[in-house]
Amino acid sequence: MNRREELTVFVSDHCFNCKESVVIAEEIKQKYPQIDVNIFNVDRVRPEVDIFAVPTYALNGEIIFLGNPTEQEIENLLCRKMQGAVNG
């Protein structure tokens, strides 16, 4: 059984750039329905992982970006990860 990829975007109410993070997360959710995308507000619930900056992007629990990636950066990384999952 293949495990689904899980992208978690950590945001905060006081973070100016986090509004863009929510938009990016929604775009990923639409473009990659095979990836579970979660938006986690650290002001409302304490995360189980150590987050020292927002926005932070984590794929399967591994931090992949601090700050918002460009569309090209996130797509390249997701394609590589998904390709590896298929081949590996």
N, C-alpha and C. Protein backbone atom coordinates (compact mmCIF):
# COMPACT_ATOMS: atom_id res chain seq x y z
N MET A 1 0.85 -1.19 0.00
CA MET A 1 0.00 0.00 0.00
C MET A 1 0.89 1.24 0.00
N ASN A 2 0.67 2.13 -0.93
CA ASN A 2 1.46 3.35 -1.02
C ASN A 2 0.94 4.39 -0.05
N ARG A 3 1.87 5.04 0.62
CA ARG A 3 1.51 6.11 1.53
C ARG A 3 1.36 7.41 0.73
N ARG A 4 0.34 8.17 1.05
CA ARG A 4 0.14 9.46 0.38
C ARG A 4 1.15 10.47 0.93
N GLU A 5 1.59 11.35 0.04
CA GLU A 5 2.45 12.44 0.46
C GLU A 5 1.60 13.42 1.28
N GLU A 6 2.21 14.03 2.29
CA GLU A 6 1.49 14.99 3.12
C GLU A 6 2.30 16.28 3.22
N LEU A 7 1.73 17.36 2.74
CA LEU A 7 2.35 18.68 2.82
C LEU A 7 1.65 19.47 3.91
N THR A 8 2.42 19.94 4.88
CA THR A 8 1.88 20.77 5.95
C THR A 8 2.51 22.15 5.83
N VAL A 9 1.65 23.16 5.83
CA VAL A 9 2.11 24.55 5.76
C VAL A 9 1.79 25.18 7.12
N PHE A 10 2.84 25.57 7.85
CA PHE A 10 2.68 26.18 9.16
C PHE A 10 2.60 27.70 8.99
N VAL A 11 1.53 28.28 9.52
CA VAL A 11 1.29 29.72 9.39
C VAL A 11 0.95 30.29 10.77
N SER A 12 0.83 31.61 10.81
CA SER A 12 0.49 32.31 12.04
C SER A 12 -0.40 33.50 11.69
N ASP A 13 -1.25 33.89 12.63
CA ASP A 13 -2.14 35.03 12.40
C ASP A 13 -1.37 36.33 12.21
N HIS A 14 -0.23 36.48 12.87
CA HIS A 14 0.52 37.73 12.82
C HIS A 14 1.55 37.80 11.68
N CYS A 15 1.58 36.78 10.85
CA CYS A 15 2.57 36.68 9.77
C CYS A 15 2.03 37.31 8.49
N PHE A 16 2.73 38.32 8.00
CA PHE A 16 2.30 39.01 6.78
C PHE A 16 2.34 38.08 5.56
N ASN A 17 3.40 37.29 5.42
CA ASN A 17 3.57 36.41 4.26
C ASN A 17 2.70 35.16 4.29
N CYS A 18 2.07 34.89 5.42
CA CYS A 18 1.30 33.65 5.55
C CYS A 18 0.01 33.68 4.73
N LYS A 19 -0.48 34.85 4.40
CA LYS A 19 -1.67 34.91 3.53
C LYS A 19 -1.33 34.30 2.17
N GLU A 20 -0.14 34.61 1.68
CA GLU A 20 0.31 34.01 0.41
C GLU A 20 0.50 32.50 0.57
N SER A 21 0.95 32.07 1.73
CA SER A 21 1.14 30.64 1.99
C SER A 21 -0.15 29.86 1.86
N VAL A 22 -1.23 30.45 2.34
CA VAL A 22 -2.54 29.80 2.25
C VAL A 22 -2.95 29.68 0.78
N VAL A 23 -2.70 30.72 0.00
CA VAL A 23 -3.01 30.69 -1.44
C VAL A 23 -2.18 29.60 -2.12
N ILE A 24 -0.88 29.54 -1.81
CA ILE A 24 0.00 28.52 -2.39
C ILE A 24 -0.49 27.12 -2.02
N ALA A 25 -0.86 26.93 -0.77
CA ALA A 25 -1.35 25.61 -0.31
C ALA A 25 -2.61 25.22 -1.07
N GLU A 26 -3.51 26.16 -1.26
CA GLU A 26 -4.75 25.86 -1.99
C GLU A 26 -4.46 25.51 -3.45
N GLU A 27 -3.50 26.21 -4.05
CA GLU A 27 -3.13 25.90 -5.44
C GLU A 27 -2.53 24.50 -5.54
N ILE A 28 -1.70 24.13 -4.58
CA ILE A 28 -1.11 22.79 -4.58
C ILE A 28 -2.21 21.75 -4.41
N LYS A 29 -3.14 22.03 -3.52
CA LYS A 29 -4.26 21.10 -3.28
C LYS A 29 -5.04 20.85 -4.57
N GLN A 30 -5.24 21.90 -5.36
CA GLN A 30 -5.97 21.77 -6.62
C GLN A 30 -5.14 21.05 -7.69
N LYS A 31 -3.88 21.38 -7.76
CA LYS A 31 -3.02 20.86 -8.82
C LYS A 31 -2.55 19.43 -8.55
N TYR A 32 -2.41 19.08 -7.28
CA TYR A 32 -1.91 17.76 -6.89
C TYR A 32 -2.89 17.09 -5.92
N PRO A 33 -4.02 16.59 -6.43
CA PRO A 33 -5.02 16.00 -5.52
C PRO A 33 -4.52 14.75 -4.80
N GLN A 34 -3.43 14.17 -5.27
CA GLN A 34 -2.87 12.98 -4.63
C GLN A 34 -2.03 13.33 -3.39
N ILE A 35 -1.84 14.63 -3.13
CA ILE A 35 -1.10 15.07 -1.96
C ILE A 35 -2.07 15.63 -0.93
N ASP A 36 -1.97 15.16 0.30
CA ASP A 36 -2.78 15.72 1.38
C ASP A 36 -2.13 17.03 1.81
N VAL A 37 -2.86 18.12 1.71
CA VAL A 37 -2.33 19.44 2.06
C VAL A 37 -3.05 19.93 3.31
N ASN A 38 -2.27 20.30 4.32
CA ASN A 38 -2.82 20.79 5.57
C ASN A 38 -2.23 22.16 5.89
N ILE A 39 -3.07 23.07 6.33
CA ILE A 39 -2.62 24.37 6.80
C ILE A 39 -2.75 24.34 8.32
N PHE A 40 -1.65 24.62 9.00
CA PHE A 40 -1.58 24.48 10.46
C PHE A 40 -1.25 25.85 11.05
N ASN A 41 -2.18 26.43 11.79
CA ASN A 41 -1.96 27.73 12.41
C ASN A 41 -1.35 27.52 13.80
N VAL A 42 -0.09 27.93 13.95
CA VAL A 42 0.64 27.71 15.20
C VAL A 42 0.15 28.60 16.33
N ASP A 43 -0.65 29.63 16.02
CA ASP A 43 -1.22 30.47 17.07
C ASP A 43 -2.40 29.79 17.76
N ARG A 44 -2.99 28.84 17.08
CA ARG A 44 -4.20 28.19 17.61
C ARG A 44 -3.92 26.84 18.26
N VAL A 45 -2.95 26.12 17.73
CA VAL A 45 -2.59 24.80 18.28
C VAL A 45 -1.08 24.67 18.23
N ARG A 46 -0.50 24.19 19.29
CA ARG A 46 0.95 24.00 19.33
C ARG A 46 1.32 22.80 18.44
N PRO A 47 2.24 23.01 17.49
CA PRO A 47 2.62 21.90 16.61
C PRO A 47 3.46 20.85 17.35
N GLU A 48 3.43 19.63 16.85
CA GLU A 48 4.20 18.54 17.44
C GLU A 48 5.66 18.60 17.04
N VAL A 49 5.98 19.39 16.03
CA VAL A 49 7.36 19.55 15.58
C VAL A 49 7.83 20.95 15.95
N ASP A 50 9.15 21.14 16.04
CA ASP A 50 9.69 22.45 16.37
C ASP A 50 9.65 23.36 15.14
N ILE A 51 8.87 24.39 15.23
CA ILE A 51 8.76 25.39 14.16
C ILE A 51 9.28 26.70 14.75
N PHE A 52 10.29 27.27 14.12
CA PHE A 52 10.86 28.50 14.65
C PHE A 52 10.63 29.70 13.75
N ALA A 53 9.96 29.49 12.63
CA ALA A 53 9.63 30.58 11.72
C ALA A 53 8.39 30.21 10.93
N VAL A 54 7.64 31.20 10.54
CA VAL A 54 6.49 30.98 9.67
C VAL A 54 6.59 31.94 8.50
N PRO A 55 6.16 31.53 7.35
CA PRO A 55 5.65 30.20 7.02
C PRO A 55 6.76 29.16 6.91
N THR A 56 6.41 27.94 7.25
CA THR A 56 7.29 26.79 7.10
C THR A 56 6.50 25.71 6.36
N TYR A 57 7.15 25.08 5.40
CA TYR A 57 6.54 24.01 4.62
C TYR A 57 7.25 22.71 4.98
N ALA A 58 6.45 21.68 5.28
CA ALA A 58 7.01 20.36 5.60
C ALA A 58 6.33 19.30 4.73
N LEU A 59 7.14 18.42 4.18
CA LEU A 59 6.61 17.31 3.39
C LEU A 59 6.90 16.03 4.14
N ASN A 60 5.84 15.34 4.52
CA ASN A 60 5.95 14.10 5.30
C ASN A 60 6.78 14.32 6.57
N GLY A 61 6.58 15.48 7.21
CA GLY A 61 7.26 15.78 8.46
C GLY A 61 8.66 16.37 8.32
N GLU A 62 9.18 16.46 7.11
CA GLU A 62 10.51 17.00 6.86
C GLU A 62 10.38 18.43 6.34
N ILE A 63 11.05 19.37 7.00
CA ILE A 63 10.97 20.76 6.56
C ILE A 63 11.63 20.90 5.20
N ILE A 64 10.90 21.48 4.25
CA ILE A 64 11.42 21.64 2.90
C ILE A 64 11.61 23.10 2.51
N PHE A 65 10.87 24.02 3.14
CA PHE A 65 11.02 25.44 2.86
C PHE A 65 10.75 26.26 4.11
N LEU A 66 11.59 27.24 4.35
CA LEU A 66 11.31 28.30 5.33
C LEU A 66 10.98 29.53 4.49
N GLY A 67 9.80 30.06 4.66
CA GLY A 67 9.35 31.13 3.78
C GLY A 67 8.64 30.54 2.58
N ASN A 68 8.04 31.40 1.80
CA ASN A 68 7.27 30.93 0.65
C ASN A 68 8.18 30.60 -0.52
N PRO A 69 8.03 29.40 -1.06
CA PRO A 69 8.79 29.05 -2.26
C PRO A 69 8.13 29.67 -3.49
N THR A 70 8.89 29.75 -4.56
CA THR A 70 8.26 30.14 -5.83
C THR A 70 7.44 28.96 -6.32
N GLU A 71 6.56 29.23 -7.26
CA GLU A 71 5.77 28.14 -7.84
C GLU A 71 6.67 27.08 -8.46
N GLN A 72 7.72 27.52 -9.14
CA GLN A 72 8.65 26.60 -9.79
C GLN A 72 9.39 25.74 -8.76
N GLU A 73 9.82 26.35 -7.65
CA GLU A 73 10.54 25.61 -6.61
C GLU A 73 9.68 24.50 -6.00
N ILE A 74 8.45 24.83 -5.66
CA ILE A 74 7.58 23.83 -5.02
C ILE A 74 7.19 22.75 -6.00
N GLU A 75 6.92 23.12 -7.24
CA GLU A 75 6.56 22.11 -8.24
C GLU A 75 7.74 21.18 -8.55
N ASN A 76 8.93 21.72 -8.67
CA ASN A 76 10.11 20.88 -8.91
C ASN A 76 10.30 19.88 -7.77
N LEU A 77 10.20 20.35 -6.55
CA LEU A 77 10.39 19.47 -5.40
C LEU A 77 9.30 18.39 -5.33
N LEU A 78 8.06 18.79 -5.51
CA LEU A 78 6.96 17.82 -5.44
C LEU A 78 7.07 16.78 -6.55
N CYS A 79 7.43 17.22 -7.74
CA CYS A 79 7.59 16.27 -8.86
C CYS A 79 8.71 15.28 -8.57
N ARG A 80 9.83 15.77 -8.03
CA ARG A 80 10.95 14.87 -7.69
C ARG A 80 10.53 13.86 -6.62
N LYS A 81 9.87 14.34 -5.59
CA LYS A 81 9.43 13.45 -4.50
C LYS A 81 8.45 12.41 -5.01
N MET A 82 7.50 12.84 -5.85
CA MET A 82 6.50 11.91 -6.34
C MET A 82 7.14 10.92 -7.32
N GLN A 83 8.08 11.37 -8.13
CA GLN A 83 8.79 10.48 -9.04
C GLN A 83 9.57 9.44 -8.24
N GLY A 84 10.21 9.88 -7.17
CA GLY A 84 10.95 8.95 -6.32
C GLY A 84 10.04 7.93 -5.66
N ALA A 85 8.84 8.36 -5.28
CA ALA A 85 7.88 7.44 -4.67
C ALA A 85 7.43 6.36 -5.65
N VAL A 86 7.31 6.76 -6.92
CA VAL A 86 6.90 5.80 -7.96
C VAL A 86 8.02 4.83 -8.26
N ASN A 87 9.25 5.34 -8.34
CA ASN A 87 10.40 4.50 -8.68
C ASN A 87 10.96 3.75 -7.49
N GLY A 88 10.77 4.28 -6.29
CA GLY A 88 11.46 3.72 -5.15
C GLY A 88 10.68 2.75 -4.39
